[in-house]
Amino acid sequence: MTTISRREWVKGMALATLGTVAFYDLSAQSKQANAASWKPRAWSAEQDQLLSDWVGIIIPESAIPGAVSLGVPVFVKTMLDDCYDPAAQATFRKVLDGFKTSLESYVKKPWSQASQAEKEQFLFVMAHGNLGADAQKAMSTLKGLTIQGYTSSEEIMVNHFHYVMAPGYFNGCASVKKS
């Protein structure tokens, strides 16, 4: 059995540490190069309008602002582009692109002539999987993101949930009452 001096052991540990740091640095650089090449697909004007319509049907305008006026469609688009894998994005866009024709065949009317109740009923049918698994998954994703974006908006958090950013105010000039 051979013995190792403290100096040789420290030297070996230093080299191992430097090698590990260099390896992770090189692997991180290759991941950044792959991430820099990725760009989200652009949304067409028709897809933007359909997404706004979907979100507006899920949480419509009333006495309190609806989802569209609070900017939830922008939140949904950002979440879909940044947080979902390309396959899920493609499936969602496929369902979104076929939405008008599916609704028109369901209610036997053009999109512009369908009532709010008919559109809500159609989304209910989509959510229950009567139009396929892709439509059900897209509807589930859309409902979840719409509710998340709506309930986390400043208007709803402050005015309806009475959220205070930093509760427990300090008033340094308050007089002390003796009991």
N, C-alpha and C. Protein backbone atom coordinates (compact mmCIF):
# COMPACT_ATOMS: atom_id res chain seq x y z
N MET A 1 0.84 -1.17 0.00
CA MET A 1 0.00 0.00 0.00
C MET A 1 0.88 1.23 0.00
N THR A 2 0.53 2.19 -0.84
CA THR A 2 1.33 3.40 -0.93
C THR A 2 0.67 4.51 -0.13
N THR A 3 1.48 5.39 0.33
CA THR A 3 0.95 6.53 1.07
C THR A 3 1.01 7.75 0.16
N ILE A 4 0.15 8.68 0.43
CA ILE A 4 0.08 9.91 -0.34
C ILE A 4 0.27 11.07 0.61
N SER A 5 1.01 12.01 0.18
CA SER A 5 1.24 13.17 1.04
C SER A 5 0.05 14.13 0.93
N ARG A 6 -0.07 14.98 1.89
CA ARG A 6 -1.14 15.96 1.91
C ARG A 6 -1.07 16.85 0.68
N ARG A 7 0.12 17.25 0.29
CA ARG A 7 0.32 18.14 -0.85
C ARG A 7 -0.19 17.48 -2.14
N GLU A 8 0.12 16.19 -2.35
CA GLU A 8 -0.34 15.48 -3.54
C GLU A 8 -1.86 15.32 -3.52
N TRP A 9 -2.45 15.08 -2.35
CA TRP A 9 -3.90 14.95 -2.25
C TRP A 9 -4.59 16.26 -2.60
N VAL A 10 -4.10 17.39 -2.08
CA VAL A 10 -4.69 18.70 -2.37
C VAL A 10 -4.55 19.00 -3.85
N LYS A 11 -3.40 18.68 -4.42
CA LYS A 11 -3.16 18.92 -5.83
C LYS A 11 -4.15 18.10 -6.68
N GLY A 12 -4.38 16.87 -6.33
CA GLY A 12 -5.33 16.02 -7.05
C GLY A 12 -6.76 16.54 -6.94
N MET A 13 -7.15 16.97 -5.75
CA MET A 13 -8.50 17.52 -5.56
C MET A 13 -8.68 18.81 -6.35
N ALA A 14 -7.66 19.66 -6.40
CA ALA A 14 -7.73 20.90 -7.16
C ALA A 14 -7.89 20.61 -8.64
N LEU A 15 -7.15 19.67 -9.16
CA LEU A 15 -7.28 19.31 -10.57
C LEU A 15 -8.65 18.72 -10.88
N ALA A 16 -9.16 17.89 -9.99
CA ALA A 16 -10.49 17.31 -10.19
C ALA A 16 -11.56 18.40 -10.19
N THR A 17 -11.43 19.36 -9.28
CA THR A 17 -12.40 20.45 -9.21
C THR A 17 -12.34 21.31 -10.46
N LEU A 18 -11.16 21.66 -10.90
CA LEU A 18 -11.02 22.47 -12.12
C LEU A 18 -11.55 21.73 -13.34
N GLY A 19 -11.31 20.43 -13.41
CA GLY A 19 -11.83 19.65 -14.52
C GLY A 19 -13.35 19.63 -14.54
N THR A 20 -13.94 19.51 -13.36
CA THR A 20 -15.40 19.51 -13.27
C THR A 20 -15.97 20.86 -13.68
N VAL A 21 -15.37 21.94 -13.23
CA VAL A 21 -15.83 23.29 -13.58
C VAL A 21 -15.70 23.50 -15.08
N ALA A 22 -14.60 23.09 -15.67
CA ALA A 22 -14.40 23.26 -17.12
C ALA A 22 -15.42 22.44 -17.90
N PHE A 23 -15.72 21.22 -17.46
CA PHE A 23 -16.70 20.39 -18.15
C PHE A 23 -18.08 21.04 -18.12
N TYR A 24 -18.51 21.49 -16.94
CA TYR A 24 -19.83 22.10 -16.84
C TYR A 24 -19.90 23.41 -17.60
N ASP A 25 -18.81 24.15 -17.64
CA ASP A 25 -18.80 25.40 -18.39
C ASP A 25 -18.95 25.12 -19.88
N LEU A 26 -18.27 24.13 -20.40
CA LEU A 26 -18.38 23.79 -21.81
C LEU A 26 -19.77 23.24 -22.15
N SER A 27 -20.35 22.43 -21.28
CA SER A 27 -21.68 21.91 -21.56
C SER A 27 -22.73 23.01 -21.48
N ALA A 28 -22.54 23.99 -20.60
CA ALA A 28 -23.49 25.10 -20.50
C ALA A 28 -23.42 25.97 -21.75
N GLN A 29 -22.23 26.14 -22.31
CA GLN A 29 -22.11 26.95 -23.53
C GLN A 29 -22.81 26.29 -24.70
N SER A 30 -22.74 24.97 -24.81
CA SER A 30 -23.43 24.30 -25.90
C SER A 30 -24.95 24.38 -25.73
N LYS A 31 -25.44 24.35 -24.49
CA LYS A 31 -26.87 24.48 -24.25
C LYS A 31 -27.35 25.89 -24.59
N GLN A 32 -26.54 26.91 -24.30
CA GLN A 32 -26.91 28.28 -24.62
C GLN A 32 -26.97 28.47 -26.13
N ALA A 33 -26.08 27.83 -26.87
CA ALA A 33 -26.12 27.93 -28.33
C ALA A 33 -27.40 27.33 -28.88
N ASN A 34 -27.85 26.20 -28.31
CA ASN A 34 -29.11 25.60 -28.75
C ASN A 34 -30.30 26.46 -28.36
N ALA A 35 -30.27 27.06 -27.17
CA ALA A 35 -31.37 27.90 -26.71
C ALA A 35 -31.46 29.18 -27.52
N ALA A 36 -30.32 29.71 -27.95
CA ALA A 36 -30.32 30.95 -28.72
C ALA A 36 -30.91 30.75 -30.11
N SER A 37 -30.84 29.54 -30.65
CA SER A 37 -31.36 29.29 -31.99
C SER A 37 -32.88 29.09 -31.98
N TRP A 38 -33.47 28.83 -30.81
CA TRP A 38 -34.91 28.59 -30.73
C TRP A 38 -35.65 29.91 -30.74
N LYS A 39 -36.68 29.99 -31.57
CA LYS A 39 -37.54 31.17 -31.61
C LYS A 39 -38.98 30.69 -31.68
N PRO A 40 -39.89 31.31 -30.93
CA PRO A 40 -41.28 30.88 -30.99
C PRO A 40 -41.89 31.24 -32.34
N ARG A 41 -42.85 30.43 -32.76
CA ARG A 41 -43.56 30.73 -34.01
C ARG A 41 -44.44 31.95 -33.81
N ALA A 42 -44.56 32.74 -34.85
CA ALA A 42 -45.39 33.94 -34.79
C ALA A 42 -46.86 33.54 -34.83
N TRP A 43 -47.68 34.32 -34.17
CA TRP A 43 -49.12 34.10 -34.16
C TRP A 43 -49.71 34.95 -35.27
N SER A 44 -50.60 34.37 -36.07
CA SER A 44 -51.27 35.14 -37.11
C SER A 44 -52.36 36.00 -36.47
N ALA A 45 -52.83 36.98 -37.23
CA ALA A 45 -53.88 37.86 -36.72
C ALA A 45 -55.16 37.08 -36.45
N GLU A 46 -55.45 36.09 -37.29
CA GLU A 46 -56.65 35.27 -37.08
C GLU A 46 -56.52 34.42 -35.82
N GLN A 47 -55.33 33.86 -35.57
CA GLN A 47 -55.11 33.08 -34.35
C GLN A 47 -55.22 33.97 -33.12
N ASP A 48 -54.68 35.20 -33.19
CA ASP A 48 -54.82 36.14 -32.07
C ASP A 48 -56.28 36.41 -31.77
N GLN A 49 -57.06 36.66 -32.82
CA GLN A 49 -58.47 36.96 -32.63
C GLN A 49 -59.23 35.77 -32.06
N LEU A 50 -58.96 34.57 -32.58
CA LEU A 50 -59.62 33.38 -32.06
C LEU A 50 -59.26 33.12 -30.60
N LEU A 51 -57.99 33.31 -30.26
CA LEU A 51 -57.57 33.13 -28.87
C LEU A 51 -58.28 34.13 -27.97
N SER A 52 -58.37 35.38 -28.41
CA SER A 52 -59.09 36.39 -27.62
C SER A 52 -60.56 36.02 -27.47
N ASP A 53 -61.15 35.50 -28.54
CA ASP A 53 -62.55 35.08 -28.46
C ASP A 53 -62.72 33.93 -27.47
N TRP A 54 -61.83 32.94 -27.52
CA TRP A 54 -61.89 31.81 -26.58
C TRP A 54 -61.81 32.30 -25.15
N VAL A 55 -60.82 33.15 -24.89
CA VAL A 55 -60.61 33.65 -23.53
C VAL A 55 -61.81 34.48 -23.09
N GLY A 56 -62.36 35.27 -24.02
CA GLY A 56 -63.54 36.07 -23.71
C GLY A 56 -64.78 35.24 -23.43
N ILE A 57 -64.86 34.07 -24.02
CA ILE A 57 -65.99 33.18 -23.74
C ILE A 57 -65.84 32.53 -22.38
N ILE A 58 -64.61 32.18 -22.02
CA ILE A 58 -64.38 31.52 -20.73
C ILE A 58 -64.65 32.47 -19.57
N ILE A 59 -64.11 33.70 -19.62
CA ILE A 59 -64.37 34.70 -18.58
C ILE A 59 -64.84 35.97 -19.28
N PRO A 60 -66.16 36.11 -19.46
CA PRO A 60 -66.69 37.27 -20.20
C PRO A 60 -66.69 38.55 -19.37
N GLU A 61 -66.90 39.64 -20.06
CA GLU A 61 -67.01 40.95 -19.42
C GLU A 61 -68.32 41.00 -18.63
N SER A 62 -68.28 41.64 -17.48
CA SER A 62 -69.48 41.84 -16.67
C SER A 62 -69.26 43.12 -15.86
N ALA A 63 -69.80 43.16 -14.65
CA ALA A 63 -69.59 44.34 -13.81
C ALA A 63 -68.11 44.52 -13.48
N ILE A 64 -67.39 43.42 -13.43
CA ILE A 64 -65.94 43.49 -13.26
C ILE A 64 -65.30 43.21 -14.62
N PRO A 65 -64.09 43.67 -14.84
CA PRO A 65 -63.46 43.45 -16.16
C PRO A 65 -63.31 41.97 -16.47
N GLY A 66 -63.47 41.65 -17.75
CA GLY A 66 -63.31 40.27 -18.19
C GLY A 66 -61.85 39.97 -18.52
N ALA A 67 -61.62 38.76 -18.97
CA ALA A 67 -60.25 38.31 -19.22
C ALA A 67 -59.60 39.05 -20.38
N VAL A 68 -60.37 39.40 -21.40
CA VAL A 68 -59.78 40.07 -22.56
C VAL A 68 -59.31 41.47 -22.18
N SER A 69 -60.10 42.21 -21.42
CA SER A 69 -59.71 43.57 -21.06
C SER A 69 -58.57 43.61 -20.06
N LEU A 70 -58.31 42.49 -19.38
CA LEU A 70 -57.18 42.43 -18.45
C LEU A 70 -55.91 41.89 -19.10
N GLY A 71 -55.97 41.62 -20.40
CA GLY A 71 -54.78 41.19 -21.12
C GLY A 71 -54.42 39.72 -20.96
N VAL A 72 -55.38 38.89 -20.63
CA VAL A 72 -55.11 37.47 -20.44
C VAL A 72 -54.68 36.78 -21.74
N PRO A 73 -55.20 37.15 -22.93
CA PRO A 73 -54.71 36.49 -24.14
C PRO A 73 -53.20 36.64 -24.35
N VAL A 74 -52.64 37.76 -23.98
CA VAL A 74 -51.19 37.95 -24.09
C VAL A 74 -50.48 37.02 -23.12
N PHE A 75 -51.02 36.86 -21.93
CA PHE A 75 -50.45 35.93 -20.94
C PHE A 75 -50.49 34.50 -21.47
N VAL A 76 -51.61 34.11 -22.05
CA VAL A 76 -51.76 32.74 -22.56
C VAL A 76 -50.76 32.50 -23.68
N LYS A 77 -50.63 33.45 -24.61
CA LYS A 77 -49.67 33.30 -25.70
C LYS A 77 -48.25 33.19 -25.18
N THR A 78 -47.89 34.02 -24.21
CA THR A 78 -46.54 33.98 -23.65
C THR A 78 -46.27 32.65 -22.96
N MET A 79 -47.22 32.17 -22.19
CA MET A 79 -47.04 30.89 -21.51
C MET A 79 -46.92 29.75 -22.51
N LEU A 80 -47.75 29.76 -23.54
CA LEU A 80 -47.68 28.70 -24.55
C LEU A 80 -46.34 28.72 -25.28
N ASP A 81 -45.86 29.91 -25.63
CA ASP A 81 -44.60 30.02 -26.37
C ASP A 81 -43.39 29.68 -25.51
N ASP A 82 -43.42 30.06 -24.25
CA ASP A 82 -42.23 29.93 -23.40
C ASP A 82 -42.20 28.65 -22.57
N CYS A 83 -43.34 28.11 -22.21
CA CYS A 83 -43.36 27.03 -21.22
C CYS A 83 -43.80 25.67 -21.77
N TYR A 84 -44.33 25.61 -22.97
CA TYR A 84 -44.81 24.35 -23.51
C TYR A 84 -43.89 23.88 -24.63
N ASP A 85 -43.74 22.56 -24.74
CA ASP A 85 -42.86 22.01 -25.76
C ASP A 85 -43.47 22.21 -27.16
N PRO A 86 -42.66 22.16 -28.21
CA PRO A 86 -43.17 22.42 -29.56
C PRO A 86 -44.31 21.50 -30.00
N ALA A 87 -44.31 20.25 -29.55
CA ALA A 87 -45.39 19.34 -29.93
C ALA A 87 -46.73 19.81 -29.34
N ALA A 88 -46.72 20.23 -28.08
CA ALA A 88 -47.94 20.73 -27.45
C ALA A 88 -48.40 22.03 -28.10
N GLN A 89 -47.45 22.89 -28.46
CA GLN A 89 -47.80 24.13 -29.15
C GLN A 89 -48.45 23.84 -30.51
N ALA A 90 -47.88 22.88 -31.24
CA ALA A 90 -48.43 22.54 -32.56
C ALA A 90 -49.84 21.97 -32.43
N THR A 91 -50.06 21.13 -31.43
CA THR A 91 -51.39 20.56 -31.21
C THR A 91 -52.39 21.65 -30.86
N PHE A 92 -51.98 22.58 -29.99
CA PHE A 92 -52.87 23.67 -29.60
C PHE A 92 -53.22 24.54 -30.80
N ARG A 93 -52.23 24.86 -31.61
CA ARG A 93 -52.48 25.70 -32.80
C ARG A 93 -53.35 24.97 -33.82
N LYS A 94 -53.18 23.66 -33.94
CA LYS A 94 -54.01 22.89 -34.87
C LYS A 94 -55.48 22.95 -34.44
N VAL A 95 -55.71 22.79 -33.15
CA VAL A 95 -57.08 22.87 -32.63
C VAL A 95 -57.61 24.29 -32.80
N LEU A 96 -56.78 25.28 -32.54
CA LEU A 96 -57.18 26.68 -32.68
C LEU A 96 -57.54 27.01 -34.12
N ASP A 97 -56.75 26.50 -35.07
CA ASP A 97 -57.03 26.78 -36.48
C ASP A 97 -58.32 26.11 -36.96
N GLY A 98 -58.67 24.96 -36.40
CA GLY A 98 -59.89 24.28 -36.80
C GLY A 98 -61.09 24.65 -35.96
N PHE A 99 -60.94 25.62 -35.08
CA PHE A 99 -62.01 25.97 -34.15
C PHE A 99 -63.24 26.52 -34.86
N LYS A 100 -63.05 27.46 -35.77
CA LYS A 100 -64.20 28.08 -36.43
C LYS A 100 -65.01 27.06 -37.23
N THR A 101 -64.32 26.23 -37.99
CA THR A 101 -65.06 25.25 -38.80
C THR A 101 -65.76 24.23 -37.91
N SER A 102 -65.13 23.84 -36.80
CA SER A 102 -65.77 22.90 -35.89
C SER A 102 -67.01 23.51 -35.26
N LEU A 103 -66.92 24.78 -34.86
CA LEU A 103 -68.09 25.45 -34.26
C LEU A 103 -69.19 25.61 -35.29
N GLU A 104 -68.84 25.98 -36.51
CA GLU A 104 -69.85 26.18 -37.55
C GLU A 104 -70.56 24.87 -37.89
N SER A 105 -69.84 23.75 -37.87
CA SER A 105 -70.49 22.47 -38.15
C SER A 105 -71.31 22.01 -36.94
N TYR A 106 -70.93 22.44 -35.73
CA TYR A 106 -71.65 22.05 -34.52
C TYR A 106 -72.97 22.80 -34.38
N VAL A 107 -72.95 24.13 -34.59
CA VAL A 107 -74.17 24.93 -34.39
C VAL A 107 -74.91 25.22 -35.69
N LYS A 108 -74.34 24.81 -36.83
CA LYS A 108 -74.96 24.99 -38.15
C LYS A 108 -75.18 26.46 -38.49
N LYS A 109 -74.27 27.31 -38.00
CA LYS A 109 -74.32 28.75 -38.28
C LYS A 109 -72.90 29.24 -38.49
N PRO A 110 -72.76 30.36 -39.19
CA PRO A 110 -71.43 30.96 -39.27
C PRO A 110 -70.99 31.48 -37.89
N TRP A 111 -69.68 31.62 -37.71
CA TRP A 111 -69.09 32.06 -36.44
C TRP A 111 -69.70 33.38 -35.98
N SER A 112 -69.86 34.32 -36.88
CA SER A 112 -70.35 35.65 -36.51
C SER A 112 -71.81 35.64 -36.06
N GLN A 113 -72.59 34.65 -36.49
CA GLN A 113 -74.00 34.61 -36.12
C GLN A 113 -74.28 33.73 -34.90
N ALA A 114 -73.29 33.00 -34.42
CA ALA A 114 -73.49 32.14 -33.25
C ALA A 114 -73.61 33.00 -32.00
N SER A 115 -74.52 32.63 -31.12
CA SER A 115 -74.72 33.39 -29.88
C SER A 115 -73.66 33.02 -28.85
N GLN A 116 -73.58 33.81 -27.81
CA GLN A 116 -72.64 33.55 -26.73
C GLN A 116 -72.93 32.20 -26.07
N ALA A 117 -74.21 31.89 -25.89
CA ALA A 117 -74.60 30.62 -25.26
C ALA A 117 -74.17 29.43 -26.13
N GLU A 118 -74.31 29.56 -27.45
CA GLU A 118 -73.91 28.47 -28.34
C GLU A 118 -72.38 28.28 -28.31
N LYS A 119 -71.65 29.37 -28.25
CA LYS A 119 -70.19 29.28 -28.16
C LYS A 119 -69.77 28.65 -26.84
N GLU A 120 -70.44 29.02 -25.75
CA GLU A 120 -70.14 28.42 -24.45
C GLU A 120 -70.45 26.92 -24.45
N GLN A 121 -71.57 26.55 -25.05
CA GLN A 121 -71.94 25.14 -25.13
C GLN A 121 -70.91 24.36 -25.95
N PHE A 122 -70.41 24.97 -27.02
CA PHE A 122 -69.41 24.32 -27.85
C PHE A 122 -68.11 24.11 -27.06
N LEU A 123 -67.69 25.10 -26.29
CA LEU A 123 -66.48 24.95 -25.47
C LEU A 123 -66.69 23.88 -24.40
N PHE A 124 -67.89 23.77 -23.88
CA PHE A 124 -68.21 22.73 -22.91
C PHE A 124 -68.09 21.35 -23.55
N VAL A 125 -68.56 21.22 -24.78
CA VAL A 125 -68.46 19.95 -25.51
C VAL A 125 -66.99 19.62 -25.77
N MET A 126 -66.20 20.63 -26.13
CA MET A 126 -64.76 20.42 -26.35
C MET A 126 -64.08 19.96 -25.07
N ALA A 127 -64.43 20.57 -23.96
CA ALA A 127 -63.79 20.25 -22.68
C ALA A 127 -64.10 18.83 -22.23
N HIS A 128 -65.23 18.29 -22.65
CA HIS A 128 -65.60 16.93 -22.24
C HIS A 128 -65.12 15.87 -23.23
N GLY A 129 -64.33 16.27 -24.24
CA GLY A 129 -63.71 15.31 -25.13
C GLY A 129 -64.58 14.78 -26.23
N ASN A 130 -65.71 15.40 -26.51
CA ASN A 130 -66.59 14.93 -27.58
C ASN A 130 -66.03 15.23 -28.96
N LEU A 131 -65.04 16.08 -29.05
CA LEU A 131 -64.45 16.43 -30.34
C LEU A 131 -63.02 15.88 -30.49
N GLY A 132 -62.63 14.97 -29.62
CA GLY A 132 -61.32 14.36 -29.73
C GLY A 132 -60.43 14.71 -28.56
N ALA A 133 -59.38 13.91 -28.42
CA ALA A 133 -58.46 14.08 -27.28
C ALA A 133 -57.63 15.36 -27.42
N ASP A 134 -57.25 15.70 -28.66
CA ASP A 134 -56.46 16.92 -28.85
C ASP A 134 -57.26 18.16 -28.46
N ALA A 135 -58.53 18.20 -28.87
CA ALA A 135 -59.37 19.34 -28.52
C ALA A 135 -59.60 19.42 -27.01
N GLN A 136 -59.76 18.26 -26.38
CA GLN A 136 -59.96 18.25 -24.93
C GLN A 136 -58.71 18.75 -24.21
N LYS A 137 -57.54 18.31 -24.66
CA LYS A 137 -56.30 18.76 -24.04
C LYS A 137 -56.06 20.25 -24.27
N ALA A 138 -56.35 20.72 -25.48
CA ALA A 138 -56.20 22.15 -25.77
C ALA A 138 -57.14 22.98 -24.92
N MET A 139 -58.36 22.51 -24.76
CA MET A 139 -59.33 23.24 -23.94
C MET A 139 -58.91 23.25 -22.49
N SER A 140 -58.41 22.15 -22.00
CA SER A 140 -57.94 22.07 -20.61
C SER A 140 -56.77 23.03 -20.40
N THR A 141 -55.85 23.07 -21.34
CA THR A 141 -54.72 23.99 -21.26
C THR A 141 -55.20 25.43 -21.28
N LEU A 142 -56.11 25.72 -22.19
CA LEU A 142 -56.61 27.09 -22.31
C LEU A 142 -57.35 27.53 -21.06
N LYS A 143 -58.21 26.68 -20.51
CA LYS A 143 -58.94 27.04 -19.29
C LYS A 143 -57.99 27.28 -18.13
N GLY A 144 -57.01 26.40 -17.97
CA GLY A 144 -56.06 26.56 -16.88
C GLY A 144 -55.26 27.85 -16.98
N LEU A 145 -54.76 28.14 -18.18
CA LEU A 145 -53.97 29.36 -18.36
C LEU A 145 -54.83 30.61 -18.24
N THR A 146 -56.07 30.54 -18.71
CA THR A 146 -56.97 31.70 -18.61
C THR A 146 -57.27 32.01 -17.15
N ILE A 147 -57.58 31.01 -16.38
CA ILE A 147 -57.89 31.23 -14.96
C ILE A 147 -56.65 31.72 -14.22
N GLN A 148 -55.50 31.14 -14.53
CA GLN A 148 -54.26 31.58 -13.88
C GLN A 148 -53.94 33.04 -14.22
N GLY A 149 -54.07 33.40 -15.49
CA GLY A 149 -53.79 34.78 -15.89
C GLY A 149 -54.79 35.76 -15.31
N TYR A 150 -56.05 35.36 -15.25
CA TYR A 150 -57.09 36.26 -14.73
C TYR A 150 -56.94 36.48 -13.23
N THR A 151 -56.77 35.39 -12.49
CA THR A 151 -56.70 35.53 -11.04
C THR A 151 -55.38 36.14 -10.56
N SER A 152 -54.35 36.13 -11.40
CA SER A 152 -53.09 36.74 -10.99
C SER A 152 -52.92 38.15 -11.56
N SER A 153 -53.94 38.69 -12.22
CA SER A 153 -53.85 40.06 -12.73
C SER A 153 -53.97 41.05 -11.57
N GLU A 154 -53.39 42.21 -11.75
CA GLU A 154 -53.37 43.21 -10.68
C GLU A 154 -54.78 43.64 -10.29
N GLU A 155 -55.64 43.85 -11.26
CA GLU A 155 -57.01 44.29 -10.99
C GLU A 155 -57.74 43.32 -10.05
N ILE A 156 -57.66 42.06 -10.34
CA ILE A 156 -58.36 41.05 -9.54
C ILE A 156 -57.68 40.87 -8.19
N MET A 157 -56.35 40.80 -8.19
CA MET A 157 -55.63 40.59 -6.93
C MET A 157 -55.88 41.73 -5.94
N VAL A 158 -55.79 42.96 -6.40
CA VAL A 158 -55.89 44.11 -5.50
C VAL A 158 -57.34 44.44 -5.16
N ASN A 159 -58.20 44.53 -6.17
CA ASN A 159 -59.56 45.03 -5.94
C ASN A 159 -60.55 43.96 -5.49
N HIS A 160 -60.28 42.69 -5.75
CA HIS A 160 -61.26 41.66 -5.40
C HIS A 160 -60.74 40.67 -4.37
N PHE A 161 -59.43 40.38 -4.40
CA PHE A 161 -58.85 39.51 -3.39
C PHE A 161 -58.23 40.31 -2.25
N HIS A 162 -58.20 41.63 -2.40
CA HIS A 162 -57.64 42.55 -1.40
C HIS A 162 -56.21 42.18 -1.02
N TYR A 163 -55.44 41.88 -2.04
CA TYR A 163 -54.04 41.52 -1.85
C TYR A 163 -53.22 42.76 -1.54
N VAL A 164 -52.38 42.68 -0.53
CA VAL A 164 -51.48 43.77 -0.16
C VAL A 164 -50.06 43.23 -0.30
N MET A 165 -49.24 43.95 -1.05
CA MET A 165 -47.90 43.46 -1.35
C MET A 165 -47.08 43.23 -0.08
N ALA A 166 -47.07 44.20 0.80
CA ALA A 166 -46.30 44.07 2.04
C ALA A 166 -47.20 44.47 3.21
N PRO A 167 -47.92 43.52 3.79
CA PRO A 167 -48.83 43.86 4.88
C PRO A 167 -48.07 44.23 6.15
N GLY A 168 -48.77 44.86 7.05
CA GLY A 168 -48.18 45.25 8.33
C GLY A 168 -47.46 46.58 8.22
N TYR A 169 -48.21 47.64 8.13
CA TYR A 169 -47.62 48.96 7.95
C TYR A 169 -46.96 49.44 9.24
N PHE A 170 -45.97 50.27 9.10
CA PHE A 170 -45.27 50.84 10.25
C PHE A 170 -45.52 52.34 10.27
N ASN A 171 -46.01 52.82 11.38
CA ASN A 171 -46.22 54.25 11.56
C ASN A 171 -45.35 54.68 12.74
N GLY A 172 -44.24 55.31 12.44
CA GLY A 172 -43.28 55.69 13.47
C GLY A 172 -43.72 56.84 14.33
N CYS A 173 -44.75 57.59 13.91
CA CYS A 173 -45.16 58.77 14.67
C CYS A 173 -46.46 58.52 15.44
N ALA A 174 -46.83 57.31 15.66
CA ALA A 174 -48.06 56.99 16.38
C ALA A 174 -47.84 57.23 17.87
N SER A 175 -48.83 57.88 18.46
CA SER A 175 -48.72 58.13 19.90
C SER A 175 -49.06 56.85 20.67
N VAL A 176 -48.40 56.68 21.80
CA VAL A 176 -48.61 55.49 22.61
C VAL A 176 -49.63 55.84 23.70
N LYS A 177 -50.67 55.02 23.81
CA LYS A 177 -51.70 55.26 24.83
C LYS A 177 -51.31 54.48 26.07
N LYS A 178 -51.38 55.15 27.20
CA LYS A 178 -51.09 54.48 28.46
C LYS A 178 -52.39 53.87 28.98
N SER A 179 -52.30 52.69 29.51
CA SER A 179 -53.51 52.04 30.02
C SER A 179 -53.59 52.13 31.50
